[in-house]
Amino acid sequence: MALTFETANEQQRWFAVDDGVMGGVSRSTFSVSKNCGWFHGEVSLENGGGLLLFVASRANLNQALPRQPGYA
């Protein structure tokens, strides 16, 4: 599945989440360039961590996902 980021404020709806709340030291970023989202990170198992993800508001997903092939 590929999502496009066609509007200037689209990046503001998405953000990276790391394992810092669990004591981990993993780090990640999310950015938009040329209408594509880029998620970069380094997972660390130090301190019992090991989690990176990026998330969006539910409203943003409801708008984007139905346009994707295979979405049910």
C-alpha atoms as a PDB file:
ATOM      1  CA  MET A   1       0.000   0.000   0.000  1.00  0.00           C
ATOM      2  CA  ALA A   2       1.268   3.478  -0.806  1.00  0.00           C
ATOM      3  CA  LEU A   3      -0.122   6.716   0.539  1.00  0.00           C
ATOM      4  CA  THR A   4       0.549  10.027  -1.158  1.00  0.00           C
ATOM      5  CA  PHE A   5       1.032  13.324   0.604  1.00  0.00           C
ATOM      6  CA  GLU A   6      -0.400  15.879  -1.797  1.00  0.00           C
ATOM      7  CA  THR A   7      -1.154  18.794   0.516  1.00  0.00           C
ATOM      8  CA  ALA A   8       1.245  20.979   2.451  1.00  0.00           C
ATOM      9  CA  ASN A   9      -0.340  20.172   5.824  1.00  0.00           C
ATOM     10  CA  GLU A  10      -0.394  16.403   5.301  1.00  0.00           C
ATOM     11  CA  GLN A  11       2.932  15.899   7.122  1.00  0.00           C
ATOM     12  CA  GLN A  12       1.464  17.539  10.230  1.00  0.00           C
ATOM     13  CA  ARG A  13      -1.104  14.725  10.512  1.00  0.00           C
ATOM     14  CA  TRP A  14       1.546  12.002  10.753  1.00  0.00           C
ATOM     15  CA  PHE A  15       4.217  11.536  13.399  1.00  0.00           C
ATOM     16  CA  ALA A  16       6.856   9.080  14.557  1.00  0.00           C
ATOM     17  CA  VAL A  17       6.508   7.246  17.881  1.00  0.00           C
ATOM     18  CA  ASP A  18       9.520   5.718  19.621  1.00  0.00           C
ATOM     19  CA  ASP A  19       9.937   3.492  22.654  1.00  0.00           C
ATOM     20  CA  GLY A  20      11.055   6.256  25.044  1.00  0.00           C
ATOM     21  CA  VAL A  21       7.929   5.869  27.157  1.00  0.00           C
ATOM     22  CA  MET A  22       9.115   2.312  27.924  1.00  0.00           C
ATOM     23  CA  GLY A  23      12.677   3.374  28.731  1.00  0.00           C
ATOM     24  CA  GLY A  24      14.023   2.504  25.294  1.00  0.00           C
ATOM     25  CA  VAL A  25      16.413   4.607  23.245  1.00  0.00           C
ATOM     26  CA  SER A  26      15.224   3.921  19.674  1.00  0.00           C
ATOM     27  CA  ARG A  27      14.928   7.008  17.471  1.00  0.00           C
ATOM     28  CA  SER A  28      12.947   7.729  14.318  1.00  0.00           C
ATOM     29  CA  THR A  29      11.691  10.537  12.100  1.00  0.00           C
ATOM     30  CA  PHE A  30       8.903  10.969   9.606  1.00  0.00           C
ATOM     31  CA  SER A  31       9.003  13.514   6.790  1.00  0.00           C
ATOM     32  CA  VAL A  32       7.391  14.225   3.438  1.00  0.00           C
ATOM     33  CA  SER A  33       9.334  14.896   0.246  1.00  0.00           C
ATOM     34  CA  LYS A  34       8.050  14.946  -3.343  1.00  0.00           C
ATOM     35  CA  ASN A  35       4.577  13.765  -2.202  1.00  0.00           C
ATOM     36  CA  CYS A  36       6.036  10.663  -0.512  1.00  0.00           C
ATOM     37  CA  GLY A  37       6.240   9.893   3.194  1.00  0.00           C
ATOM     38  CA  TRP A  38       9.644   8.837   4.529  1.00  0.00           C
ATOM     39  CA  PHE A  39       9.997   6.963   7.808  1.00  0.00           C
ATOM     40  CA  HIS A  40      13.569   6.507   9.025  1.00  0.00           C
ATOM     41  CA  GLY A  41      14.777   5.083  12.298  1.00  0.00           C
ATOM     42  CA  GLU A  42      17.132   2.968  14.310  1.00  0.00           C
ATOM     43  CA  VAL A  43      15.712   0.352  16.657  1.00  0.00           C
ATOM     44  CA  SER A  44      17.632  -0.287  19.857  1.00  0.00           C
ATOM     45  CA  LEU A  45      16.983  -3.172  22.250  1.00  0.00           C
ATOM     46  CA  GLU A  46      18.862  -1.308  24.982  1.00  0.00           C
ATOM     47  CA  ASN A  47      16.862  -0.815  28.210  1.00  0.00           C
ATOM     48  CA  GLY A  48      14.208  -3.291  27.055  1.00  0.00           C
ATOM     49  CA  GLY A  49      13.081  -1.105  24.152  1.00  0.00           C
ATOM     50  CA  GLY A  50      12.701  -1.969  20.490  1.00  0.00           C
ATOM     51  CA  LEU A  51       9.743  -0.093  19.031  1.00  0.00           C
ATOM     52  CA  LEU A  52       9.381   2.391  16.169  1.00  0.00           C
ATOM     53  CA  LEU A  53       6.218   3.309  14.322  1.00  0.00           C
ATOM     54  CA  PHE A  54       4.473   6.178  12.637  1.00  0.00           C
ATOM     55  CA  VAL A  55       0.835   6.978  13.096  1.00  0.00           C
ATOM     56  CA  ALA A  56      -1.824   9.342  11.806  1.00  0.00           C
ATOM     57  CA  SER A  57      -5.091  10.657  13.049  1.00  0.00           C
ATOM     58  CA  ARG A  58      -7.977   8.281  12.381  1.00  0.00           C
ATOM     59  CA  ALA A  59      -9.681  10.903  10.203  1.00  0.00           C
ATOM     60  CA  ASN A  60      -6.617  11.001   7.959  1.00  0.00           C
ATOM     61  CA  LEU A  61      -6.601   7.223   7.545  1.00  0.00           C
ATOM     62  CA  ASN A  62     -10.329   7.124   6.794  1.00  0.00           C
ATOM     63  CA  GLN A  63      -9.742   9.557   3.930  1.00  0.00           C
ATOM     64  CA  ALA A  64      -6.614   7.881   2.525  1.00  0.00           C
ATOM     65  CA  LEU A  65      -7.208   4.132   2.807  1.00  0.00           C
ATOM     66  CA  PRO A  66     -10.382   3.695   0.713  1.00  0.00           C
ATOM     67  CA  ARG A  67      -8.418   4.941  -2.326  1.00  0.00           C
ATOM     68  CA  GLN A  68      -5.915   2.072  -1.975  1.00  0.00           C
ATOM     69  CA  PRO A  69      -6.115  -1.123  -4.048  1.00  0.00           C
ATOM     70  CA  GLY A  70      -7.192  -4.097  -1.957  1.00  0.00           C
ATOM     71  CA  TYR A  71      -8.713  -2.013   0.841  1.00  0.00           C
ATOM     72  CA  ALA A  72     -11.892  -3.614   2.181  1.00  0.00           C
END
